[in-house]
């Protein structure tokens, strides 16, 4: 099972970071397209769009990376997102 760390851009331009094993399903949940609710933070900030993702070896590594990203400033998170877009 592979894990993904992701950053969502919310309708109010805020950023949300999380982890999942199924990125497409999880983004759909955050947008309210599933009986299973997304995070409380994103419920009032829909729609959300995927801004960034990266894979992790396991849940432990994904959680560590999630916490590292959450500790970044908004500007640093945006730089991470913009750098990933520039690579595509």
PDB file of N, CA and C in Angstrom:
ATOM      1  N   UNK A   1       0.845  -1.174   0.000  1.00  0.00           N
ATOM      2  CA  UNK A   1       0.000   0.000   0.000  1.00  0.00           C
ATOM      3  C   UNK A   1       0.891   1.238   0.000  1.00  0.00           C
ATOM      4  N   UNK A   2       0.662   2.132  -0.941  1.00  0.00           N
ATOM      5  CA  UNK A   2       1.457   3.357  -0.987  1.00  0.00           C
ATOM      6  C   UNK A   2       0.693   4.512  -0.347  1.00  0.00           C
ATOM      7  N   UNK A   3       1.420   5.400   0.259  1.00  0.00           N
ATOM      8  CA  UNK A   3       0.844   6.552   0.938  1.00  0.00           C
ATOM      9  C   UNK A   3       1.206   7.814   0.190  1.00  0.00           C
ATOM     10  N   UNK A   4       0.310   8.787   0.222  1.00  0.00           N
ATOM     11  CA  UNK A   4       0.512  10.061  -0.444  1.00  0.00           C
ATOM     12  C   UNK A   4       0.317  11.193   0.561  1.00  0.00           C
ATOM     13  N   UNK A   5       1.228  12.147   0.516  1.00  0.00           N
ATOM     14  CA  UNK A   5       1.099  13.387   1.269  1.00  0.00           C
ATOM     15  C   UNK A   5       0.603  14.422   0.273  1.00  0.00           C
ATOM     16  N   UNK A   6      -0.401  15.210   0.660  1.00  0.00           N
ATOM     17  CA  UNK A   6      -0.977  16.156  -0.296  1.00  0.00           C
ATOM     18  C   UNK A   6      -1.271  17.506   0.340  1.00  0.00           C
ATOM     19  N   UNK A   7      -1.336  18.517  -0.517  1.00  0.00           N
ATOM     20  CA  UNK A   7      -1.749  19.855  -0.114  1.00  0.00           C
ATOM     21  C   UNK A   7      -2.930  20.237  -0.998  1.00  0.00           C
ATOM     22  N   UNK A   8      -4.007  20.686  -0.359  1.00  0.00           N
ATOM     23  CA  UNK A   8      -5.181  21.170  -1.072  1.00  0.00           C
ATOM     24  C   UNK A   8      -5.228  22.687  -0.991  1.00  0.00           C
ATOM     25  N   UNK A   9      -5.703  23.301  -2.076  1.00  0.00           N
ATOM     26  CA  UNK A   9      -5.988  24.731  -2.047  1.00  0.00           C
ATOM     27  C   UNK A   9      -7.501  24.862  -1.925  1.00  0.00           C
ATOM     28  N   UNK A  10      -7.957  25.530  -0.891  1.00  0.00           N
ATOM     29  CA  UNK A  10      -9.389  25.684  -0.629  1.00  0.00           C
ATOM     30  C   UNK A  10      -9.939  26.904  -1.367  1.00  0.00           C
ATOM     31  N   UNK A  11     -11.266  26.993  -1.413  1.00  0.00           N
ATOM     32  CA  UNK A  11     -11.941  28.088  -2.110  1.00  0.00           C
ATOM     33  C   UNK A  11     -11.550  29.453  -1.553  1.00  0.00           C
ATOM     34  N   UNK A  12     -11.230  29.533  -0.268  1.00  0.00           N
ATOM     35  CA  UNK A  12     -10.828  30.802   0.342  1.00  0.00           C
ATOM     36  C   UNK A  12      -9.311  31.030   0.248  1.00  0.00           C
ATOM     37  N   UNK A  13      -8.635  30.223  -0.561  1.00  0.00           N
ATOM     38  CA  UNK A  13      -7.190  30.281  -0.819  1.00  0.00           C
ATOM     39  C   UNK A  13      -6.350  29.801   0.352  1.00  0.00           C
ATOM     40  N   UNK A  14      -6.963  29.177   1.351  1.00  0.00           N
ATOM     41  CA  UNK A  14      -6.191  28.569   2.432  1.00  0.00           C
ATOM     42  C   UNK A  14      -5.637  27.232   1.929  1.00  0.00           C
ATOM     43  N   UNK A  15      -4.667  26.693   2.671  1.00  0.00           N
ATOM     44  CA  UNK A  15      -4.026  25.433   2.298  1.00  0.00           C
ATOM     45  C   UNK A  15      -4.282  24.391   3.378  1.00  0.00           C
ATOM     46  N   UNK A  16      -4.510  23.157   2.955  1.00  0.00           N
ATOM     47  CA  UNK A  16      -4.743  22.046   3.880  1.00  0.00           C
ATOM     48  C   UNK A  16      -3.800  20.921   3.497  1.00  0.00           C
ATOM     49  N   UNK A  17      -3.142  20.325   4.477  1.00  0.00           N
ATOM     50  CA  UNK A  17      -2.212  19.224   4.239  1.00  0.00           C
ATOM     51  C   UNK A  17      -2.724  17.957   4.912  1.00  0.00           C
ATOM     52  N   UNK A  18      -2.620  16.824   4.205  1.00  0.00           N
ATOM     53  CA  UNK A  18      -3.053  15.557   4.766  1.00  0.00           C
ATOM     54  C   UNK A  18      -2.330  14.387   4.116  1.00  0.00           C
ATOM     55  N   UNK A  19      -2.697  13.166   4.537  1.00  0.00           N
ATOM     56  CA  UNK A  19      -2.137  11.948   3.956  1.00  0.00           C
ATOM     57  C   UNK A  19      -3.284  11.001   3.613  1.00  0.00           C
ATOM     58  N   UNK A  20      -3.036  10.113   2.668  1.00  0.00           N
ATOM     59  CA  UNK A  20      -4.051   9.153   2.252  1.00  0.00           C
ATOM     60  C   UNK A  20      -3.398   8.013   1.471  1.00  0.00           C
ATOM     61  N   UNK A  21      -4.171   6.943   1.274  1.00  0.00           N
ATOM     62  CA  UNK A  21      -3.738   5.856   0.399  1.00  0.00           C
ATOM     63  C   UNK A  21      -4.466   5.923  -0.939  1.00  0.00           C
ATOM     64  N   UNK A  22      -5.478   6.768  -1.043  1.00  0.00           N
ATOM     65  CA  UNK A  22      -6.252   6.919  -2.284  1.00  0.00           C
ATOM     66  C   UNK A  22      -6.540   8.404  -2.479  1.00  0.00           C
ATOM     67  N   UNK A  23      -5.689   9.071  -3.224  1.00  0.00           N
ATOM     68  CA  UNK A  23      -5.754  10.518  -3.368  1.00  0.00           C
ATOM     69  C   UNK A  23      -7.046  10.984  -4.038  1.00  0.00           C
ATOM     70  N   UNK A  24      -7.449  10.336  -5.100  1.00  0.00           N
ATOM     71  CA  UNK A  24      -8.670  10.739  -5.804  1.00  0.00           C
ATOM     72  C   UNK A  24      -9.898  10.651  -4.889  1.00  0.00           C
ATOM     73  N   UNK A  25     -10.008   9.549  -4.155  1.00  0.00           N
ATOM     74  CA  UNK A  25     -11.123   9.373  -3.220  1.00  0.00           C
ATOM     75  C   UNK A  25     -11.105  10.437  -2.137  1.00  0.00           C
ATOM     76  N   UNK A  26      -9.924  10.708  -1.602  1.00  0.00           N
ATOM     77  CA  UNK A  26      -9.817  11.650  -0.484  1.00  0.00           C
ATOM     78  C   UNK A  26     -10.164  13.068  -0.911  1.00  0.00           C
ATOM     79  N   UNK A  27      -9.707  13.491  -2.079  1.00  0.00           N
ATOM     80  CA  UNK A  27     -10.064  14.829  -2.567  1.00  0.00           C
ATOM     81  C   UNK A  27     -11.574  14.915  -2.763  1.00  0.00           C
ATOM     82  N   UNK A  28     -12.171  13.853  -3.287  1.00  0.00           N
ATOM     83  CA  UNK A  28     -13.621  13.808  -3.461  1.00  0.00           C
ATOM     84  C   UNK A  28     -14.326  13.933  -2.113  1.00  0.00           C
ATOM     85  N   UNK A  29     -13.820  13.254  -1.096  1.00  0.00           N
ATOM     86  CA  UNK A  29     -14.396  13.358   0.251  1.00  0.00           C
ATOM     87  C   UNK A  29     -14.297  14.789   0.787  1.00  0.00           C
ATOM     88  N   UNK A  30     -13.159  15.426   0.562  1.00  0.00           N
ATOM     89  CA  UNK A  30     -12.986  16.807   1.022  1.00  0.00           C
ATOM     90  C   UNK A  30     -13.977  17.741   0.331  1.00  0.00           C
ATOM     91  N   UNK A  31     -14.371  17.397  -0.886  1.00  0.00           N
ATOM     92  CA  UNK A  31     -15.325  18.213  -1.632  1.00  0.00           C
ATOM     93  C   UNK A  31     -16.775  17.830  -1.360  1.00  0.00           C
ATOM     94  N   UNK A  32     -17.000  16.910  -0.431  1.00  0.00           N
ATOM     95  CA  UNK A  32     -18.357  16.541  -0.037  1.00  0.00           C
ATOM     96  C   UNK A  32     -19.054  15.601  -0.989  1.00  0.00           C
ATOM     97  N   UNK A  33     -18.309  14.899  -1.856  1.00  0.00           N
ATOM     98  CA  UNK A  33     -18.891  13.985  -2.837  1.00  0.00           C
ATOM     99  C   UNK A  33     -18.964  12.551  -2.339  1.00  0.00           C
ATOM    100  N   UNK A  34     -18.980  12.385  -1.031  1.00  0.00           N
ATOM    101  CA  UNK A  34     -18.981  11.058  -0.453  1.00  0.00           C
ATOM    102  C   UNK A  34     -19.697  11.112   0.888  1.00  0.00           C
ATOM    103  N   UNK A  35     -20.332  10.016   1.282  1.00  0.00           N
ATOM    104  CA  UNK A  35     -20.961   9.995   2.606  1.00  0.00           C
ATOM    105  C   UNK A  35     -19.941  10.208   3.734  1.00  0.00           C
ATOM    106  N   UNK A  36     -18.702   9.768   3.509  1.00  0.00           N
ATOM    107  CA  UNK A  36     -17.656   9.994   4.491  1.00  0.00           C
ATOM    108  C   UNK A  36     -17.184  11.436   4.341  1.00  0.00           C
ATOM    109  N   UNK A  37     -17.264  12.176   5.418  1.00  0.00           N
ATOM    110  CA  UNK A  37     -16.914  13.590   5.365  1.00  0.00           C
ATOM    111  C   UNK A  37     -15.407  13.787   5.269  1.00  0.00           C
ATOM    112  N   UNK A  38     -15.029  14.898   4.652  1.00  0.00           N
ATOM    113  CA  UNK A  38     -13.634  15.301   4.645  1.00  0.00           C
ATOM    114  C   UNK A  38     -13.301  15.924   5.990  1.00  0.00           C
ATOM    115  N   UNK A  39     -12.171  16.523   6.086  1.00  0.00           N
ATOM    116  CA  UNK A  39     -11.752  17.161   7.330  1.00  0.00           C
ATOM    117  C   UNK A  39     -12.655  18.344   7.669  1.00  0.00           C
ATOM    118  N   UNK A  40     -12.837  18.584   8.946  1.00  0.00           N
ATOM    119  CA  UNK A  40     -13.660  19.717   9.400  1.00  0.00           C
ATOM    120  C   UNK A  40     -13.169  21.022   8.776  1.00  0.00           C
ATOM    121  N   UNK A  41     -11.854  21.166   8.648  1.00  0.00           N
ATOM    122  CA  UNK A  41     -11.270  22.387   8.102  1.00  0.00           C
ATOM    123  C   UNK A  41     -11.767  22.661   6.690  1.00  0.00           C
ATOM    124  N   UNK A  42     -11.894  21.632   5.864  1.00  0.00           N
ATOM    125  CA  UNK A  42     -12.256  21.841   4.459  1.00  0.00           C
ATOM    126  C   UNK A  42     -13.762  21.890   4.213  1.00  0.00           C
ATOM    127  N   UNK A  43     -14.575  21.466   5.163  1.00  0.00           N
ATOM    128  CA  UNK A  43     -16.028  21.426   4.947  1.00  0.00           C
ATOM    129  C   UNK A  43     -16.616  22.779   4.596  1.00  0.00           C
ATOM    130  N   UNK A  44     -16.141  23.820   5.230  1.00  0.00           N
ATOM    131  CA  UNK A  44     -16.674  25.154   4.963  1.00  0.00           C
ATOM    132  C   UNK A  44     -15.839  25.918   3.941  1.00  0.00           C
ATOM    133  N   UNK A  45     -14.876  25.248   3.326  1.00  0.00           N
ATOM    134  CA  UNK A  45     -13.977  25.908   2.376  1.00  0.00           C
ATOM    135  C   UNK A  45     -13.997  25.236   1.010  1.00  0.00           C
ATOM    136  N   UNK A  46     -15.103  24.626   0.668  1.00  0.00           N
ATOM    137  CA  UNK A  46     -15.225  23.916  -0.614  1.00  0.00           C
ATOM    138  C   UNK A  46     -15.566  24.899  -1.715  1.00  0.00           C
ATOM    139  N   UNK A  47     -15.185  24.593  -2.945  1.00  0.00           N
ATOM    140  CA  UNK A  47     -14.479  23.381  -3.347  1.00  0.00           C
ATOM    141  C   UNK A  47     -12.974  23.496  -3.088  1.00  0.00           C
ATOM    142  N   UNK A  48     -12.350  22.339  -2.988  1.00  0.00           N
ATOM    143  CA  UNK A  48     -10.903  22.278  -2.834  1.00  0.00           C
ATOM    144  C   UNK A  48     -10.305  21.685  -4.108  1.00  0.00           C
ATOM    145  N   UNK A  49      -9.072  22.060  -4.392  1.00  0.00           N
ATOM    146  CA  UNK A  49      -8.359  21.494  -5.535  1.00  0.00           C
ATOM    147  C   UNK A  49      -6.999  20.996  -5.065  1.00  0.00           C
ATOM    148  N   UNK A  50      -6.531  19.971  -5.708  1.00  0.00           N
ATOM    149  CA  UNK A  50      -5.220  19.424  -5.370  1.00  0.00           C
ATOM    150  C   UNK A  50      -4.144  20.381  -5.863  1.00  0.00           C
ATOM    151  N   UNK A  51      -3.274  20.804  -4.956  1.00  0.00           N
ATOM    152  CA  UNK A  51      -2.195  21.723  -5.309  1.00  0.00           C
ATOM    153  C   UNK A  51      -0.845  21.018  -5.381  1.00  0.00           C
ATOM    154  N   UNK A  52      -0.685  19.934  -4.599  1.00  0.00           N
ATOM    155  CA  UNK A  52       0.620  19.276  -4.508  1.00  0.00           C
ATOM    156  C   UNK A  52       0.436  17.881  -3.942  1.00  0.00           C
ATOM    157  N   UNK A  53       1.257  16.947  -4.396  1.00  0.00           N
ATOM    158  CA  UNK A  53       1.276  15.617  -3.785  1.00  0.00           C
ATOM    159  C   UNK A  53       2.649  14.991  -3.962  1.00  0.00           C
ATOM    160  N   UNK A  54       2.966  14.106  -3.039  1.00  0.00           N
ATOM    161  CA  UNK A  54       4.202  13.324  -3.137  1.00  0.00           C
ATOM    162  C   UNK A  54       3.949  11.981  -2.473  1.00  0.00           C
ATOM    163  N   UNK A  55       4.638  10.958  -2.926  1.00  0.00           N
ATOM    164  CA  UNK A  55       4.444   9.635  -2.358  1.00  0.00           C
ATOM    165  C   UNK A  55       5.423   9.413  -1.203  1.00  0.00           C
ATOM    166  N   UNK A  56       5.020   8.519  -0.312  1.00  0.00           N
ATOM    167  CA  UNK A  56       5.851   8.147   0.836  1.00  0.00           C
ATOM    168  C   UNK A  56       5.947   6.627   0.893  1.00  0.00           C
ATOM    169  N   UNK A  57       6.985   6.125   1.515  1.00  0.00           N
ATOM    170  CA  UNK A  57       7.219   4.686   1.571  1.00  0.00           C
ATOM    171  C   UNK A  57       6.184   3.948   2.411  1.00  0.00           C
ATOM    172  N   UNK A  58       5.750   4.592   3.504  1.00  0.00           N
ATOM    173  CA  UNK A  58       4.800   3.953   4.414  1.00  0.00           C
ATOM    174  C   UNK A  58       4.067   5.029   5.209  1.00  0.00           C
ATOM    175  N   UNK A  59       3.129   4.614   6.055  1.00  0.00           N
ATOM    176  CA  UNK A  59       2.336   5.577   6.820  1.00  0.00           C
ATOM    177  C   UNK A  59       3.208   6.421   7.744  1.00  0.00           C
ATOM    178  N   UNK A  60       4.176   5.808   8.368  1.00  0.00           N
ATOM    179  CA  UNK A  60       5.053   6.537   9.276  1.00  0.00           C
ATOM    180  C   UNK A  60       5.781   7.665   8.552  1.00  0.00           C
ATOM    181  N   UNK A  61       6.352   7.367   7.405  1.00  0.00           N
ATOM    182  CA  UNK A  61       7.066   8.388   6.633  1.00  0.00           C
ATOM    183  C   UNK A  61       6.110   9.462   6.131  1.00  0.00           C
ATOM    184  N   UNK A  62       4.910   9.058   5.732  1.00  0.00           N
ATOM    185  CA  UNK A  62       3.906  10.028   5.270  1.00  0.00           C
ATOM    186  C   UNK A  62       3.526  10.969   6.409  1.00  0.00           C
ATOM    187  N   UNK A  63       3.321  10.421   7.595  1.00  0.00           N
ATOM    188  CA  UNK A  63       2.947  11.247   8.748  1.00  0.00           C
ATOM    189  C   UNK A  63       4.060  12.217   9.121  1.00  0.00           C
ATOM    190  N   UNK A  64       5.294  11.748   9.061  1.00  0.00           N
ATOM    191  CA  UNK A  64       6.430  12.625   9.369  1.00  0.00           C
ATOM    192  C   UNK A  64       6.522  13.766   8.356  1.00  0.00           C
ATOM    193  N   UNK A  65       6.329  13.428   7.081  1.00  0.00           N
ATOM    194  CA  UNK A  65       6.393  14.457   6.039  1.00  0.00           C
ATOM    195  C   UNK A  65       5.221  15.435   6.172  1.00  0.00           C
ATOM    196  N   UNK A  66       4.036  14.916   6.506  1.00  0.00           N
ATOM    197  CA  UNK A  66       2.869  15.773   6.723  1.00  0.00           C
ATOM    198  C   UNK A  66       3.166  16.796   7.821  1.00  0.00           C
ATOM    199  N   UNK A  67       3.721  16.348   8.922  1.00  0.00           N
ATOM    200  CA  UNK A  67       4.032  17.255  10.022  1.00  0.00           C
ATOM    201  C   UNK A  67       5.109  18.264   9.620  1.00  0.00           C
ATOM    202  N   UNK A  68       6.076  17.818   8.828  1.00  0.00           N
ATOM    203  CA  UNK A  68       7.115  18.743   8.367  1.00  0.00           C
ATOM    204  C   UNK A  68       6.503  19.830   7.481  1.00  0.00           C
ATOM    205  N   UNK A  69       5.598  19.443   6.592  1.00  0.00           N
ATOM    206  CA  UNK A  69       4.949  20.425   5.717  1.00  0.00           C
ATOM    207  C   UNK A  69       4.057  21.352   6.536  1.00  0.00           C
ATOM    208  N   UNK A  70       3.317  20.802   7.491  1.00  0.00           N
ATOM    209  CA  UNK A  70       2.436  21.630   8.318  1.00  0.00           C
ATOM    210  C   UNK A  70       3.221  22.657   9.130  1.00  0.00           C
ATOM    211  N   UNK A  71       4.477  22.383   9.418  1.00  0.00           N
ATOM    212  CA  UNK A  71       5.284  23.322  10.195  1.00  0.00           C
ATOM    213  C   UNK A  71       5.865  24.444   9.334  1.00  0.00           C
ATOM    214  N   UNK A  72       5.746  24.327   8.022  1.00  0.00           N
ATOM    215  CA  UNK A  72       6.238  25.371   7.121  1.00  0.00           C
ATOM    216  C   UNK A  72       5.328  26.591   7.175  1.00  0.00           C
ATOM    217  N   UNK A  73       5.886  27.742   6.843  1.00  0.00           N
ATOM    218  CA  UNK A  73       5.067  28.944   6.724  1.00  0.00           C
ATOM    219  C   UNK A  73       4.236  28.839   5.437  1.00  0.00           C
ATOM    220  N   UNK A  74       3.224  29.673   5.312  1.00  0.00           N
ATOM    221  CA  UNK A  74       2.407  29.688   4.096  1.00  0.00           C
ATOM    222  C   UNK A  74       3.287  29.936   2.863  1.00  0.00           C
ATOM    223  N   UNK A  75       4.223  30.876   2.971  1.00  0.00           N
ATOM    224  CA  UNK A  75       5.101  31.190   1.849  1.00  0.00           C
ATOM    225  C   UNK A  75       5.947  29.979   1.451  1.00  0.00           C
ATOM    226  N   UNK A  76       6.428  29.233   2.427  1.00  0.00           N
ATOM    227  CA  UNK A  76       7.223  28.040   2.141  1.00  0.00           C
ATOM    228  C   UNK A  76       6.366  26.954   1.493  1.00  0.00           C
ATOM    229  N   UNK A  77       5.127  26.802   1.951  1.00  0.00           N
ATOM    230  CA  UNK A  77       4.220  25.836   1.326  1.00  0.00           C
ATOM    231  C   UNK A  77       3.939  26.221  -0.118  1.00  0.00           C
ATOM    232  N   UNK A  78       3.710  27.504  -0.362  1.00  0.00           N
ATOM    233  CA  UNK A  78       3.454  27.959  -1.735  1.00  0.00           C
ATOM    234  C   UNK A  78       4.675  27.753  -2.612  1.00  0.00           C
ATOM    235  N   UNK A  79       5.858  27.947  -2.060  1.00  0.00           N
ATOM    236  CA  UNK A  79       7.085  27.694  -2.823  1.00  0.00           C
ATOM    237  C   UNK A  79       7.185  26.217  -3.186  1.00  0.00           C
ATOM    238  N   UNK A  80       6.821  25.332  -2.257  1.00  0.00           N
ATOM    239  CA  UNK A  80       6.821  23.895  -2.523  1.00  0.00           C
ATOM    240  C   UNK A  80       5.848  23.575  -3.654  1.00  0.00           C
ATOM    241  N   UNK A  81       4.645  24.121  -3.575  1.00  0.00           N
ATOM    242  CA  UNK A  81       3.627  23.906  -4.606  1.00  0.00           C
ATOM    243  C   UNK A  81       4.109  24.455  -5.945  1.00  0.00           C
ATOM    244  N   UNK A  82       4.621  25.679  -5.949  1.00  0.00           N
ATOM    245  CA  UNK A  82       5.067  26.310  -7.202  1.00  0.00           C
ATOM    246  C   UNK A  82       6.258  25.601  -7.798  1.00  0.00           C
ATOM    247  N   UNK A  83       7.159  25.101  -6.965  1.00  0.00           N
ATOM    248  CA  UNK A  83       8.328  24.368  -7.474  1.00  0.00           C
ATOM    249  C   UNK A  83       7.871  23.074  -8.140  1.00  0.00           C
ATOM    250  N   UNK A  84       6.904  22.389  -7.542  1.00  0.00           N
ATOM    251  CA  UNK A  84       6.403  21.139  -8.120  1.00  0.00           C
ATOM    252  C   UNK A  84       5.729  21.406  -9.448  1.00  0.00           C
ATOM    253  N   UNK A  85       4.987  22.499  -9.554  1.00  0.00           N
ATOM    254  CA  UNK A  85       4.324  22.849 -10.810  1.00  0.00           C
ATOM    255  C   UNK A  85       5.357  23.173 -11.871  1.00  0.00           C
ATOM    256  N   UNK A  86       6.434  23.839 -11.491  1.00  0.00           N
ATOM    257  CA  UNK A  86       7.481  24.217 -12.443  1.00  0.00           C
ATOM    258  C   UNK A  86       8.188  22.979 -13.013  1.00  0.00           C
ATOM    259  N   UNK A  87       8.204  21.898 -12.266  1.00  0.00           N
ATOM    260  CA  UNK A  87       8.865  20.667 -12.728  1.00  0.00           C
ATOM    261  C   UNK A  87       8.049  19.898 -13.749  1.00  0.00           C
ATOM    262  N   UNK A  88       6.771  20.175 -13.808  1.00  0.00           N
ATOM    263  CA  UNK A  88       5.883  19.403 -14.710  1.00  0.00           C
ATOM    264  C   UNK A  88       6.049  19.869 -16.140  1.00  0.00           C
TER     265      UNK A  88
END
